[in-house]
Amino acid sequence: MTDPMQFMREEFDKIDKKLVDLLEQRFELSEKIGVYKKGMNIAIEDVTREGQVLQNIAGMTTARCSDNIVTIYQSILDESKKVQLAIESE
């Protein structure tokens, strides 16, 4: 018989792998956007777009965890800007 805690931890591991894969894809796209913005002389920070993204994310989540996910997404947006800033300074 499988220990319930071990089973849940294994489920976490599977989810974490998917999250890492998706985040890697997202940051690769952030790099491409950074290159585009640099070439087109577009500012890295777009407060309007960030607000739209966070609003969209909040609308996709359940009420119970909405604030947590929006907080995580704010960090993802901040890290995406860092990726783009690194490209801008090249």
N, C-alpha and C. Protein backbone atom coordinates (compact mmCIF):
# COMPACT_ATOMS: atom_id res chain seq x y z
N MET A 1 0.84 -1.17 0.00
CA MET A 1 0.00 0.00 0.00
C MET A 1 0.89 1.25 0.00
N THR A 2 0.56 2.20 -0.84
CA THR A 2 1.32 3.44 -0.95
C THR A 2 0.95 4.39 0.18
N ASP A 3 1.97 4.97 0.74
CA ASP A 3 1.78 5.98 1.77
C ASP A 3 1.11 7.20 1.14
N PRO A 4 0.00 7.68 1.71
CA PRO A 4 -0.69 8.83 1.10
C PRO A 4 0.20 10.07 0.95
N MET A 5 1.04 10.34 1.93
CA MET A 5 1.92 11.49 1.85
C MET A 5 2.91 11.33 0.69
N GLN A 6 3.46 10.14 0.54
CA GLN A 6 4.40 9.88 -0.55
C GLN A 6 3.70 10.05 -1.90
N PHE A 7 2.49 9.56 -2.00
CA PHE A 7 1.72 9.70 -3.23
C PHE A 7 1.52 11.18 -3.57
N MET A 8 1.12 11.97 -2.59
CA MET A 8 0.89 13.40 -2.82
C MET A 8 2.18 14.11 -3.21
N ARG A 9 3.28 13.72 -2.60
CA ARG A 9 4.57 14.33 -2.94
C ARG A 9 4.97 13.99 -4.37
N GLU A 10 4.68 12.78 -4.78
CA GLU A 10 4.97 12.39 -6.15
C GLU A 10 4.10 13.19 -7.14
N GLU A 11 2.87 13.46 -6.75
CA GLU A 11 2.00 14.30 -7.58
C GLU A 11 2.56 15.72 -7.68
N PHE A 12 3.04 16.24 -6.54
CA PHE A 12 3.70 17.55 -6.56
C PHE A 12 4.87 17.55 -7.54
N ASP A 13 5.69 16.50 -7.48
CA ASP A 13 6.85 16.41 -8.37
C ASP A 13 6.44 16.45 -9.83
N LYS A 14 5.37 15.76 -10.17
CA LYS A 14 4.87 15.76 -11.56
C LYS A 14 4.40 17.16 -11.97
N ILE A 15 3.68 17.80 -11.09
CA ILE A 15 3.19 19.16 -11.37
C ILE A 15 4.36 20.12 -11.49
N ASP A 16 5.34 20.00 -10.59
CA ASP A 16 6.51 20.87 -10.62
C ASP A 16 7.25 20.74 -11.95
N LYS A 17 7.37 19.54 -12.46
CA LYS A 17 8.04 19.32 -13.75
C LYS A 17 7.30 20.05 -14.86
N LYS A 18 5.98 19.97 -14.86
CA LYS A 18 5.18 20.67 -15.87
C LYS A 18 5.36 22.18 -15.74
N LEU A 19 5.34 22.67 -14.51
CA LEU A 19 5.51 24.11 -14.28
C LEU A 19 6.87 24.60 -14.78
N VAL A 20 7.91 23.84 -14.48
CA VAL A 20 9.25 24.22 -14.93
C VAL A 20 9.31 24.25 -16.45
N ASP A 21 8.76 23.24 -17.10
CA ASP A 21 8.76 23.21 -18.57
C ASP A 21 8.04 24.43 -19.13
N LEU A 22 6.90 24.77 -18.57
CA LEU A 22 6.12 25.92 -19.05
C LEU A 22 6.83 27.24 -18.77
N LEU A 23 7.45 27.34 -17.60
CA LEU A 23 8.20 28.56 -17.29
C LEU A 23 9.39 28.74 -18.22
N GLU A 24 10.06 27.64 -18.53
CA GLU A 24 11.17 27.73 -19.48
C GLU A 24 10.68 28.23 -20.84
N GLN A 25 9.54 27.72 -21.29
CA GLN A 25 8.96 28.18 -22.54
C GLN A 25 8.62 29.67 -22.47
N ARG A 26 8.06 30.08 -21.34
CA ARG A 26 7.66 31.48 -21.17
C ARG A 26 8.87 32.40 -21.20
N PHE A 27 9.96 32.00 -20.54
CA PHE A 27 11.14 32.83 -20.51
C PHE A 27 11.86 32.85 -21.87
N GLU A 28 11.79 31.75 -22.61
CA GLU A 28 12.33 31.76 -23.97
C GLU A 28 11.57 32.77 -24.83
N LEU A 29 10.26 32.81 -24.67
CA LEU A 29 9.46 33.79 -25.39
C LEU A 29 9.77 35.21 -24.91
N SER A 30 10.01 35.37 -23.63
CA SER A 30 10.41 36.69 -23.10
C SER A 30 11.70 37.17 -23.75
N GLU A 31 12.63 36.24 -23.98
CA GLU A 31 13.87 36.61 -24.66
C GLU A 31 13.58 37.10 -26.08
N LYS A 32 12.72 36.40 -26.79
CA LYS A 32 12.37 36.80 -28.15
C LYS A 32 11.68 38.17 -28.15
N ILE A 33 10.80 38.37 -27.19
CA ILE A 33 10.13 39.67 -27.09
C ILE A 33 11.16 40.75 -26.76
N GLY A 34 12.12 40.44 -25.90
CA GLY A 34 13.17 41.39 -25.57
C GLY A 34 13.98 41.79 -26.80
N VAL A 35 14.30 40.83 -27.64
CA VAL A 35 15.03 41.11 -28.88
C VAL A 35 14.18 42.01 -29.78
N TYR A 36 12.92 41.68 -29.89
CA TYR A 36 12.01 42.49 -30.72
C TYR A 36 11.91 43.91 -30.18
N LYS A 37 11.69 44.04 -28.88
CA LYS A 37 11.57 45.37 -28.28
C LYS A 37 12.84 46.18 -28.48
N LYS A 38 13.98 45.53 -28.33
CA LYS A 38 15.25 46.23 -28.53
C LYS A 38 15.36 46.73 -29.97
N GLY A 39 15.04 45.87 -30.92
CA GLY A 39 15.12 46.24 -32.33
C GLY A 39 14.15 47.33 -32.72
N MET A 40 13.00 47.36 -32.06
CA MET A 40 11.97 48.34 -32.38
C MET A 40 12.00 49.55 -31.43
N ASN A 41 12.98 49.55 -30.52
CA ASN A 41 13.13 50.62 -29.54
C ASN A 41 11.84 50.82 -28.72
N ILE A 42 11.31 49.70 -28.22
CA ILE A 42 10.10 49.70 -27.40
C ILE A 42 10.52 49.51 -25.94
N ALA A 43 9.91 50.25 -25.05
CA ALA A 43 10.22 50.13 -23.62
C ALA A 43 9.94 48.72 -23.11
N ILE A 44 10.76 48.26 -22.20
CA ILE A 44 10.58 46.93 -21.61
C ILE A 44 9.31 46.89 -20.78
N GLU A 45 9.12 47.88 -19.95
CA GLU A 45 7.97 47.86 -19.05
C GLU A 45 6.73 48.42 -19.74
N ASP A 46 5.65 47.65 -19.65
CA ASP A 46 4.36 48.06 -20.20
C ASP A 46 3.32 47.83 -19.11
N VAL A 47 3.10 48.85 -18.30
CA VAL A 47 2.23 48.74 -17.14
C VAL A 47 0.81 48.32 -17.53
N THR A 48 0.33 48.84 -18.65
CA THR A 48 -1.02 48.49 -19.11
C THR A 48 -1.11 47.00 -19.41
N ARG A 49 -0.14 46.48 -20.14
CA ARG A 49 -0.13 45.05 -20.48
C ARG A 49 -0.01 44.19 -19.22
N GLU A 50 0.85 44.60 -18.30
CA GLU A 50 1.01 43.83 -17.06
C GLU A 50 -0.31 43.77 -16.30
N GLY A 51 -1.01 44.88 -16.24
CA GLY A 51 -2.31 44.90 -15.58
C GLY A 51 -3.31 43.96 -16.25
N GLN A 52 -3.28 43.94 -17.58
CA GLN A 52 -4.16 43.03 -18.32
C GLN A 52 -3.84 41.58 -18.02
N VAL A 53 -2.54 41.27 -18.01
CA VAL A 53 -2.12 39.88 -17.72
C VAL A 53 -2.58 39.47 -16.33
N LEU A 54 -2.34 40.32 -15.33
CA LEU A 54 -2.73 39.98 -13.96
C LEU A 54 -4.25 39.86 -13.83
N GLN A 55 -4.97 40.71 -14.52
CA GLN A 55 -6.43 40.63 -14.49
C GLN A 55 -6.91 39.34 -15.15
N ASN A 56 -6.30 38.98 -16.28
CA ASN A 56 -6.65 37.73 -16.95
C ASN A 56 -6.38 36.53 -16.05
N ILE A 57 -5.22 36.54 -15.40
CA ILE A 57 -4.84 35.43 -14.52
C ILE A 57 -5.83 35.33 -13.36
N ALA A 58 -6.17 36.46 -12.77
CA ALA A 58 -7.12 36.45 -11.64
C ALA A 58 -8.45 35.86 -12.08
N GLY A 59 -8.84 36.13 -13.32
CA GLY A 59 -10.10 35.59 -13.83
C GLY A 59 -10.06 34.10 -14.13
N MET A 60 -8.86 33.54 -14.26
CA MET A 60 -8.71 32.12 -14.56
C MET A 60 -8.67 31.25 -13.31
N THR A 61 -8.48 31.85 -12.16
CA THR A 61 -8.25 31.08 -10.94
C THR A 61 -9.52 30.94 -10.12
N THR A 62 -9.46 30.01 -9.18
CA THR A 62 -10.57 29.86 -8.25
C THR A 62 -10.44 30.90 -7.15
N ALA A 63 -11.54 31.27 -6.56
CA ALA A 63 -11.53 32.31 -5.53
C ALA A 63 -10.60 31.96 -4.37
N ARG A 64 -10.48 30.68 -4.07
CA ARG A 64 -9.69 30.25 -2.92
C ARG A 64 -8.20 30.55 -3.06
N CYS A 65 -7.68 30.50 -4.27
CA CYS A 65 -6.24 30.69 -4.43
C CYS A 65 -5.88 31.84 -5.36
N SER A 66 -6.83 32.65 -5.71
CA SER A 66 -6.60 33.73 -6.68
C SER A 66 -5.47 34.66 -6.26
N ASP A 67 -5.48 35.14 -5.04
CA ASP A 67 -4.44 36.07 -4.59
C ASP A 67 -3.06 35.44 -4.66
N ASN A 68 -2.95 34.17 -4.31
CA ASN A 68 -1.66 33.49 -4.35
C ASN A 68 -1.12 33.41 -5.78
N ILE A 69 -1.99 33.06 -6.69
CA ILE A 69 -1.56 32.90 -8.08
C ILE A 69 -1.21 34.25 -8.69
N VAL A 70 -1.97 35.27 -8.40
CA VAL A 70 -1.65 36.61 -8.91
C VAL A 70 -0.29 37.06 -8.37
N THR A 71 -0.02 36.79 -7.11
CA THR A 71 1.28 37.14 -6.51
C THR A 71 2.42 36.42 -7.24
N ILE A 72 2.23 35.14 -7.51
CA ILE A 72 3.24 34.37 -8.23
C ILE A 72 3.43 34.94 -9.63
N TYR A 73 2.33 35.27 -10.29
CA TYR A 73 2.43 35.83 -11.63
C TYR A 73 3.12 37.19 -11.65
N GLN A 74 2.93 37.99 -10.61
CA GLN A 74 3.65 39.26 -10.53
C GLN A 74 5.15 38.99 -10.52
N SER A 75 5.56 37.96 -9.78
CA SER A 75 6.98 37.58 -9.76
C SER A 75 7.44 37.10 -11.13
N ILE A 76 6.61 36.34 -11.82
CA ILE A 76 6.97 35.86 -13.16
C ILE A 76 7.14 37.06 -14.10
N LEU A 77 6.24 38.03 -14.03
CA LEU A 77 6.36 39.22 -14.86
C LEU A 77 7.64 39.99 -14.54
N ASP A 78 7.94 40.11 -13.25
CA ASP A 78 9.17 40.81 -12.85
C ASP A 78 10.41 40.10 -13.41
N GLU A 79 10.42 38.79 -13.33
CA GLU A 79 11.56 38.01 -13.84
C GLU A 79 11.63 38.10 -15.37
N SER A 80 10.49 38.14 -16.02
CA SER A 80 10.46 38.29 -17.48
C SER A 80 11.07 39.62 -17.89
N LYS A 81 10.77 40.67 -17.13
CA LYS A 81 11.36 41.98 -17.41
C LYS A 81 12.88 41.93 -17.23
N LYS A 82 13.35 41.20 -16.23
CA LYS A 82 14.79 41.07 -16.02
C LYS A 82 15.45 40.41 -17.23
N VAL A 83 14.80 39.39 -17.77
CA VAL A 83 15.32 38.72 -18.96
C VAL A 83 15.41 39.71 -20.12
N GLN A 84 14.35 40.50 -20.30
CA GLN A 84 14.33 41.46 -21.39
C GLN A 84 15.34 42.59 -21.16
N LEU A 85 15.49 43.03 -19.94
CA LEU A 85 16.48 44.07 -19.62
C LEU A 85 17.90 43.61 -19.92
N ALA A 86 18.16 42.32 -19.66
CA ALA A 86 19.49 41.77 -19.95
C ALA A 86 19.77 41.83 -21.45
N ILE A 87 18.75 41.57 -22.25
CA ILE A 87 18.91 41.63 -23.71
C ILE A 87 19.09 43.08 -24.14
N GLU A 88 18.34 43.97 -23.54
CA GLU A 88 18.42 45.38 -23.89
C GLU A 88 19.82 45.94 -23.65
N SER A 89 20.48 45.43 -22.61
CA SER A 89 21.81 45.96 -22.26
C SER A 89 22.94 45.30 -23.03
N GLU A 90 22.62 44.33 -23.86
CA GLU A 90 23.68 43.65 -24.66
C GLU A 90 24.20 44.56 -25.75
